[in-house]
PDB file of N, CA and C in Angstrom:
ATOM      1  N   MET A   1      23.323  18.438   9.419  1.00  0.00           N
ATOM      2  CA  MET A   1      21.905  18.747   9.352  1.00  0.00           C
ATOM      3  C   MET A   1      21.356  18.847  10.772  1.00  0.00           C
ATOM      4  N   GLY A   2      20.533  19.828  10.955  1.00  0.00           N
ATOM      5  CA  GLY A   2      19.926  20.019  12.251  1.00  0.00           C
ATOM      6  C   GLY A   2      18.720  19.114  12.445  1.00  0.00           C
ATOM      7  N   PHE A   3      18.249  19.099  13.668  1.00  0.00           N
ATOM      8  CA  PHE A   3      17.122  18.237  14.014  1.00  0.00           C
ATOM      9  C   PHE A   3      15.867  18.608  13.229  1.00  0.00           C
ATOM     10  N   LEU A   4      15.603  19.892  13.093  1.00  0.00           N
ATOM     11  CA  LEU A   4      14.381  20.305  12.398  1.00  0.00           C
ATOM     12  C   LEU A   4      14.416  19.951  10.920  1.00  0.00           C
ATOM     13  N   SER A   5      15.582  20.070  10.293  1.00  0.00           N
ATOM     14  CA  SER A   5      15.655  19.698   8.880  1.00  0.00           C
ATOM     15  C   SER A   5      15.509  18.191   8.708  1.00  0.00           C
ATOM     16  N   LEU A   6      16.064  17.401   9.632  1.00  0.00           N
ATOM     17  CA  LEU A   6      15.876  15.947   9.577  1.00  0.00           C
ATOM     18  C   LEU A   6      14.417  15.570   9.805  1.00  0.00           C
ATOM     19  N   LEU A   7      13.780  16.258  10.736  1.00  0.00           N
ATOM     20  CA  LEU A   7      12.364  15.998  11.007  1.00  0.00           C
ATOM     21  C   LEU A   7      11.509  16.336   9.787  1.00  0.00           C
ATOM     22  N   LYS A   8      11.852  17.421   9.115  1.00  0.00           N
ATOM     23  CA  LYS A   8      11.107  17.810   7.912  1.00  0.00           C
ATOM     24  C   LYS A   8      11.270  16.768   6.812  1.00  0.00           C
ATOM     25  N   VAL A   9      12.488  16.302   6.593  1.00  0.00           N
ATOM     26  CA  VAL A   9      12.743  15.302   5.557  1.00  0.00           C
ATOM     27  C   VAL A   9      12.056  13.987   5.899  1.00  0.00           C
ATOM     28  N   ALA A  10      12.086  13.594   7.170  1.00  0.00           N
ATOM     29  CA  ALA A  10      11.488  12.325   7.579  1.00  0.00           C
ATOM     30  C   ALA A  10       9.964  12.374   7.561  1.00  0.00           C
ATOM     31  N   SER A  11       9.393  13.541   7.775  1.00  0.00           N
ATOM     32  CA  SER A  11       7.930  13.624   7.840  1.00  0.00           C
ATOM     33  C   SER A  11       7.275  13.795   6.471  1.00  0.00           C
ATOM     34  N   MET A  12       8.026  14.145   5.450  1.00  0.00           N
ATOM     35  CA  MET A  12       7.441  14.356   4.121  1.00  0.00           C
ATOM     36  C   MET A  12       6.766  13.105   3.548  1.00  0.00           C
ATOM     37  N   PRO A  13       7.401  11.922   3.551  1.00  0.00           N
ATOM     38  CA  PRO A  13       6.698  10.742   3.020  1.00  0.00           C
ATOM     39  C   PRO A  13       5.438  10.397   3.813  1.00  0.00           C
ATOM     40  N   ILE A  14       5.491  10.586   5.123  1.00  0.00           N
ATOM     41  CA  ILE A  14       4.320  10.297   5.954  1.00  0.00           C
ATOM     42  C   ILE A  14       3.199  11.278   5.635  1.00  0.00           C
ATOM     43  N   LEU A  15       3.546  12.530   5.484  1.00  0.00           N
ATOM     44  CA  LEU A  15       2.552  13.542   5.150  1.00  0.00           C
ATOM     45  C   LEU A  15       1.938  13.289   3.776  1.00  0.00           C
ATOM     46  N   GLN A  16       2.756  12.908   2.805  1.00  0.00           N
ATOM     47  CA  GLN A  16       2.237  12.594   1.469  1.00  0.00           C
ATOM     48  C   GLN A  16       1.274  11.414   1.518  1.00  0.00           C
ATOM     49  N   MET A  17       1.635  10.377   2.280  1.00  0.00           N
ATOM     50  CA  MET A  17       0.761   9.211   2.393  1.00  0.00           C
ATOM     51  C   MET A  17      -0.562   9.578   3.063  1.00  0.00           C
ATOM     52  N   LEU A  18      -0.500  10.402   4.103  1.00  0.00           N
ATOM     53  CA  LEU A  18      -1.725  10.817   4.785  1.00  0.00           C
ATOM     54  C   LEU A  18      -2.622  11.651   3.869  1.00  0.00           C
ATOM     55  N   ILE A  19      -2.038  12.547   3.104  1.00  0.00           N
ATOM     56  CA  ILE A  19      -2.835  13.377   2.194  1.00  0.00           C
ATOM     57  C   ILE A  19      -3.518  12.515   1.138  1.00  0.00           C
ATOM     58  N   ILE A  20      -2.783  11.582   0.552  1.00  0.00           N
ATOM     59  CA  ILE A  20      -3.364  10.702  -0.467  1.00  0.00           C
ATOM     60  C   ILE A  20      -4.445   9.816   0.140  1.00  0.00           C
ATOM     61  N   SER A  21      -4.211   9.310   1.354  1.00  0.00           N
ATOM     62  CA  SER A  21      -5.205   8.448   2.007  1.00  0.00           C
ATOM     63  C   SER A  21      -6.478   9.218   2.335  1.00  0.00           C
ATOM     64  N   ILE A  22      -6.331  10.409   2.863  1.00  0.00           N
ATOM     65  CA  ILE A  22      -7.507  11.213   3.206  1.00  0.00           C
ATOM     66  C   ILE A  22      -8.270  11.613   1.949  1.00  0.00           C
ATOM     67  N   LEU A  23      -7.549  11.996   0.911  1.00  0.00           N
ATOM     68  CA  LEU A  23      -8.202  12.349  -0.349  1.00  0.00           C
ATOM     69  C   LEU A  23      -8.927  11.147  -0.947  1.00  0.00           C
ATOM     70  N   GLY A  24      -8.304   9.976  -0.922  1.00  0.00           N
ATOM     71  CA  GLY A  24      -8.942   8.767  -1.435  1.00  0.00           C
ATOM     72  C   GLY A  24     -10.161   8.371  -0.622  1.00  0.00           C
ATOM     73  N   ALA A  25     -10.062   8.489   0.701  1.00  0.00           N
ATOM     74  CA  ALA A  25     -11.208   8.166   1.550  1.00  0.00           C
ATOM     75  C   ALA A  25     -12.360   9.136   1.299  1.00  0.00           C
ATOM     76  N   PHE A  26     -12.047  10.403   1.097  1.00  0.00           N
ATOM     77  CA  PHE A  26     -13.088  11.388   0.811  1.00  0.00           C
ATOM     78  C   PHE A  26     -13.742  11.122  -0.538  1.00  0.00           C
ATOM     79  N   MET A  27     -12.933  10.776  -1.533  1.00  0.00           N
ATOM     80  CA  MET A  27     -13.476  10.509  -2.864  1.00  0.00           C
ATOM     81  C   MET A  27     -14.293   9.220  -2.898  1.00  0.00           C
ATOM     82  N   ALA A  28     -14.062   8.310  -1.961  1.00  0.00           N
ATOM     83  CA  ALA A  28     -14.785   7.044  -1.941  1.00  0.00           C
ATOM     84  C   ALA A  28     -16.121   7.138  -1.210  1.00  0.00           C
ATOM     85  N   THR A  29     -16.400   8.252  -0.574  1.00  0.00           N
ATOM     86  CA  THR A  29     -17.652   8.380   0.165  1.00  0.00           C
ATOM     87  C   THR A  29     -18.818   8.667  -0.776  1.00  0.00           C
ATOM     88  N   ASP A  30     -20.010   8.518  -0.250  1.00  0.00           N
ATOM     89  CA  ASP A  30     -21.217   8.838  -1.017  1.00  0.00           C
ATOM     90  C   ASP A  30     -21.408  10.350  -1.160  1.00  0.00           C
ATOM     91  N   TYR A  31     -20.727  11.119  -0.339  1.00  0.00           N
ATOM     92  CA  TYR A  31     -20.887  12.573  -0.365  1.00  0.00           C
ATOM     93  C   TYR A  31     -20.450  13.161  -1.702  1.00  0.00           C
ATOM     94  N   ILE A  32     -19.336  12.702  -2.237  1.00  0.00           N
ATOM     95  CA  ILE A  32     -18.813  13.265  -3.484  1.00  0.00           C
ATOM     96  C   ILE A  32     -19.362  12.544  -4.709  1.00  0.00           C
ATOM     97  N   LYS A  33     -19.804  11.314  -4.556  1.00  0.00           N
ATOM     98  CA  LYS A  33     -20.418  10.508  -5.619  1.00  0.00           C
ATOM     99  C   LYS A  33     -19.551  10.449  -6.877  1.00  0.00           C
ATOM    100  N   LEU A  34     -18.259  10.171  -6.680  1.00  0.00           N
ATOM    101  CA  LEU A  34     -17.346  10.045  -7.809  1.00  0.00           C
ATOM    102  C   LEU A  34     -17.575   8.733  -8.537  1.00  0.00           C
ATOM    103  N   LEU A  35     -17.805   7.670  -7.780  1.00  0.00           N
ATOM    104  CA  LEU A  35     -18.074   6.352  -8.354  1.00  0.00           C
ATOM    105  C   LEU A  35     -19.380   5.817  -7.790  1.00  0.00           C
ATOM    106  N   PRO A  36     -20.149   5.113  -8.602  1.00  0.00           N
ATOM    107  CA  PRO A  36     -21.344   4.462  -8.055  1.00  0.00           C
ATOM    108  C   PRO A  36     -20.948   3.335  -7.104  1.00  0.00           C
ATOM    109  N   SER A  37     -21.890   2.891  -6.311  1.00  0.00           N
ATOM    110  CA  SER A  37     -21.576   1.882  -5.293  1.00  0.00           C
ATOM    111  C   SER A  37     -21.106   0.569  -5.913  1.00  0.00           C
ATOM    112  N   ASP A  38     -21.638   0.198  -7.073  1.00  0.00           N
ATOM    113  CA  ASP A  38     -21.175  -1.030  -7.731  1.00  0.00           C
ATOM    114  C   ASP A  38     -19.713  -0.920  -8.158  1.00  0.00           C
ATOM    115  N   ALA A  39     -19.313   0.238  -8.648  1.00  0.00           N
ATOM    116  CA  ALA A  39     -17.916   0.429  -9.052  1.00  0.00           C
ATOM    117  C   ALA A  39     -16.996   0.404  -7.837  1.00  0.00           C
ATOM    118  N   ARG A  40     -17.424   1.011  -6.732  1.00  0.00           N
ATOM    119  CA  ARG A  40     -16.610   0.967  -5.509  1.00  0.00           C
ATOM    120  C   ARG A  40     -16.473  -0.454  -5.004  1.00  0.00           C
ATOM    121  N   ARG A  41     -17.540  -1.217  -5.065  1.00  0.00           N
ATOM    122  CA  ARG A  41     -17.504  -2.608  -4.625  1.00  0.00           C
ATOM    123  C   ARG A  41     -16.560  -3.429  -5.508  1.00  0.00           C
ATOM    124  N   SER A  42     -16.612  -3.198  -6.816  1.00  0.00           N
ATOM    125  CA  SER A  42     -15.723  -3.913  -7.738  1.00  0.00           C
ATOM    126  C   SER A  42     -14.264  -3.540  -7.510  1.00  0.00           C
ATOM    127  N   LEU A  43     -13.998  -2.255  -7.298  1.00  0.00           N
ATOM    128  CA  LEU A  43     -12.622  -1.835  -7.017  1.00  0.00           C
ATOM    129  C   LEU A  43     -12.117  -2.421  -5.705  1.00  0.00           C
ATOM    130  N   ASN A  44     -12.997  -2.514  -4.722  1.00  0.00           N
ATOM    131  CA  ASN A  44     -12.621  -3.115  -3.447  1.00  0.00           C
ATOM    132  C   ASN A  44     -12.238  -4.578  -3.632  1.00  0.00           C
ATOM    133  N   LYS A  45     -12.994  -5.297  -4.448  1.00  0.00           N
ATOM    134  CA  LYS A  45     -12.669  -6.701  -4.714  1.00  0.00           C
ATOM    135  C   LYS A  45     -11.343  -6.834  -5.452  1.00  0.00           C
ATOM    136  N   ILE A  46     -11.082  -5.919  -6.386  1.00  0.00           N
ATOM    137  CA  ILE A  46      -9.811  -5.950  -7.119  1.00  0.00           C
ATOM    138  C   ILE A  46      -8.642  -5.703  -6.173  1.00  0.00           C
ATOM    139  N   VAL A  47      -8.811  -4.762  -5.261  1.00  0.00           N
ATOM    140  CA  VAL A  47      -7.734  -4.472  -4.309  1.00  0.00           C
ATOM    141  C   VAL A  47      -7.407  -5.699  -3.482  1.00  0.00           C
ATOM    142  N   TYR A  48      -8.421  -6.378  -2.962  1.00  0.00           N
ATOM    143  CA  TYR A  48      -8.162  -7.543  -2.119  1.00  0.00           C
ATOM    144  C   TYR A  48      -7.714  -8.758  -2.917  1.00  0.00           C
ATOM    145  N   ALA A  49      -8.154  -8.879  -4.155  1.00  0.00           N
ATOM    146  CA  ALA A  49      -7.794 -10.059  -4.946  1.00  0.00           C
ATOM    147  C   ALA A  49      -6.457  -9.909  -5.658  1.00  0.00           C
ATOM    148  N   VAL A  50      -6.074  -8.684  -6.014  1.00  0.00           N
ATOM    149  CA  VAL A  50      -4.867  -8.485  -6.824  1.00  0.00           C
ATOM    150  C   VAL A  50      -3.775  -7.756  -6.055  1.00  0.00           C
ATOM    151  N   PHE A  51      -4.084  -6.595  -5.522  1.00  0.00           N
ATOM    152  CA  PHE A  51      -3.037  -5.751  -4.965  1.00  0.00           C
ATOM    153  C   PHE A  51      -2.524  -6.231  -3.611  1.00  0.00           C
ATOM    154  N   THR A  52      -3.368  -6.802  -2.772  1.00  0.00           N
ATOM    155  CA  THR A  52      -2.892  -7.311  -1.491  1.00  0.00           C
ATOM    156  C   THR A  52      -1.934  -8.483  -1.667  1.00  0.00           C
ATOM    157  N   PRO A  53      -2.235  -9.494  -2.503  1.00  0.00           N
ATOM    158  CA  PRO A  53      -1.232 -10.542  -2.735  1.00  0.00           C
ATOM    159  C   PRO A  53       0.032 -10.009  -3.409  1.00  0.00           C
ATOM    160  N   ALA A  54      -0.110  -9.024  -4.283  1.00  0.00           N
ATOM    161  CA  ALA A  54       1.072  -8.448  -4.925  1.00  0.00           C
ATOM    162  C   ALA A  54       1.966  -7.760  -3.902  1.00  0.00           C
ATOM    163  N   LEU A  55       1.374  -7.064  -2.948  1.00  0.00           N
ATOM    164  CA  LEU A  55       2.148  -6.427  -1.891  1.00  0.00           C
ATOM    165  C   LEU A  55       2.841  -7.466  -1.024  1.00  0.00           C
ATOM    166  N   ALA A  56       2.127  -8.534  -0.686  1.00  0.00           N
ATOM    167  CA  ALA A  56       2.735  -9.601   0.115  1.00  0.00           C
ATOM    168  C   ALA A  56       3.876 -10.269  -0.645  1.00  0.00           C
ATOM    169  N   PHE A  57       3.696 -10.500  -1.937  1.00  0.00           N
ATOM    170  CA  PHE A  57       4.741 -11.135  -2.734  1.00  0.00           C
ATOM    171  C   PHE A  57       5.973 -10.252  -2.840  1.00  0.00           C
ATOM    172  N   THR A  58       5.795  -8.954  -3.064  1.00  0.00           N
ATOM    173  CA  THR A  58       6.958  -8.081  -3.176  1.00  0.00           C
ATOM    174  C   THR A  58       7.689  -7.954  -1.851  1.00  0.00           C
ATOM    175  N   SER A  59       6.945  -7.942  -0.744  1.00  0.00           N
ATOM    176  CA  SER A  59       7.598  -7.902   0.565  1.00  0.00           C
ATOM    177  C   SER A  59       8.363  -9.190   0.822  1.00  0.00           C
ATOM    178  N   LEU A  60       7.792 -10.311   0.438  1.00  0.00           N
ATOM    179  CA  LEU A  60       8.461 -11.596   0.611  1.00  0.00           C
ATOM    180  C   LEU A  60       9.665 -11.705  -0.312  1.00  0.00           C
ATOM    181  N   ALA A  61       9.549 -11.194  -1.521  1.00  0.00           N
ATOM    182  CA  ALA A  61      10.646 -11.281  -2.490  1.00  0.00           C
ATOM    183  C   ALA A  61      11.857 -10.468  -2.046  1.00  0.00           C
ATOM    184  N   LYS A  62      11.639  -9.434  -1.260  1.00  0.00           N
ATOM    185  CA  LYS A  62      12.758  -8.634  -0.772  1.00  0.00           C
ATOM    186  C   LYS A  62      13.535  -9.348   0.328  1.00  0.00           C
ATOM    187  N   THR A  63      12.899 -10.271   1.040  1.00  0.00           N
ATOM    188  CA  THR A  63      13.555 -10.886   2.192  1.00  0.00           C
ATOM    189  C   THR A  63      13.988 -12.321   1.958  1.00  0.00           C
ATOM    190  N   VAL A  64      13.368 -13.027   1.038  1.00  0.00           N
ATOM    191  CA  VAL A  64      13.674 -14.440   0.815  1.00  0.00           C
ATOM    192  C   VAL A  64      14.610 -14.564  -0.377  1.00  0.00           C
ATOM    193  N   ARG A  65      15.683 -15.317  -0.176  1.00  0.00           N
ATOM    194  CA  ARG A  65      16.641 -15.554  -1.253  1.00  0.00           C
ATOM    195  C   ARG A  65      16.388 -16.928  -1.861  1.00  0.00           C
ATOM    196  N   LEU A  66      17.017 -17.180  -3.002  1.00  0.00           N
ATOM    197  CA  LEU A  66      16.867 -18.458  -3.683  1.00  0.00           C
ATOM    198  C   LEU A  66      17.385 -19.595  -2.807  1.00  0.00           C
ATOM    199  N   GLU A  67      18.450 -19.352  -2.072  1.00  0.00           N
ATOM    200  CA  GLU A  67      18.993 -20.383  -1.183  1.00  0.00           C
ATOM    201  C   GLU A  67      17.987 -20.769  -0.095  1.00  0.00           C
ATOM    202  N   ASP A  68      17.227 -19.800   0.382  1.00  0.00           N
ATOM    203  CA  ASP A  68      16.203 -20.090   1.390  1.00  0.00           C
ATOM    204  C   ASP A  68      15.121 -21.003   0.819  1.00  0.00           C
ATOM    205  N   ILE A  69      14.680 -20.715  -0.387  1.00  0.00           N
ATOM    206  CA  ILE A  69      13.639 -21.535  -1.013  1.00  0.00           C
ATOM    207  C   ILE A  69      14.147 -22.949  -1.251  1.00  0.00           C
ATOM    208  N   ILE A  70      15.384 -23.077  -1.701  1.00  0.00           N
ATOM    209  CA  ILE A  70      15.964 -24.406  -1.923  1.00  0.00           C
ATOM    210  C   ILE A  70      16.070 -25.165  -0.610  1.00  0.00           C
ATOM    211  N   SER A  71      16.430 -24.481   0.460  1.00  0.00           N
ATOM    212  CA  SER A  71      16.562 -25.162   1.756  1.00  0.00           C
ATOM    213  C   SER A  71      15.209 -25.627   2.298  1.00  0.00           C
ATOM    214  N   TRP A  72      14.115 -24.977   1.912  1.00  0.00           N
ATOM    215  CA  TRP A  72      12.796 -25.416   2.353  1.00  0.00           C
ATOM    216  C   TRP A  72      12.441 -26.777   1.772  1.00  0.00           C
ATOM    217  N   TYR A  73      12.882 -27.052   0.554  1.00  0.00           N
ATOM    218  CA  TYR A  73      12.519 -28.291  -0.131  1.00  0.00           C
ATOM    219  C   TYR A  73      13.648 -29.304  -0.155  1.00  0.00           C
ATOM    220  N   ASP A  74      14.771 -28.993   0.430  1.00  0.00           N
ATOM    221  CA  ASP A  74      15.939 -29.868   0.409  1.00  0.00           C
ATOM    222  C   ASP A  74      16.012 -30.649   1.719  1.00  0.00           C
ATOM    223  N   LYS A  75      15.069 -31.548   1.929  1.00  0.00           N
ATOM    224  CA  LYS A  75      15.059 -32.327   3.172  1.00  0.00           C
ATOM    225  C   LYS A  75      15.048 -33.784   2.880  1.00  0.00           C
TER     226      LYS A  75
END
């Protein structure tokens, strides 16, 4: 594979994330008025209360093994 094809493959996930982020940010503004301000505020609270800890837990679950947890309490 050439450099340009590798660059294209590597940039696709980044480009997809940027497009979704920009679209979400645009839809969350008052300009498009997709959701009222109370609904946006409630969704913001849900993101911080539910999805952020879930992301932290899944990241931790990928790196911590059962032996590590046992060693923390085996003193």
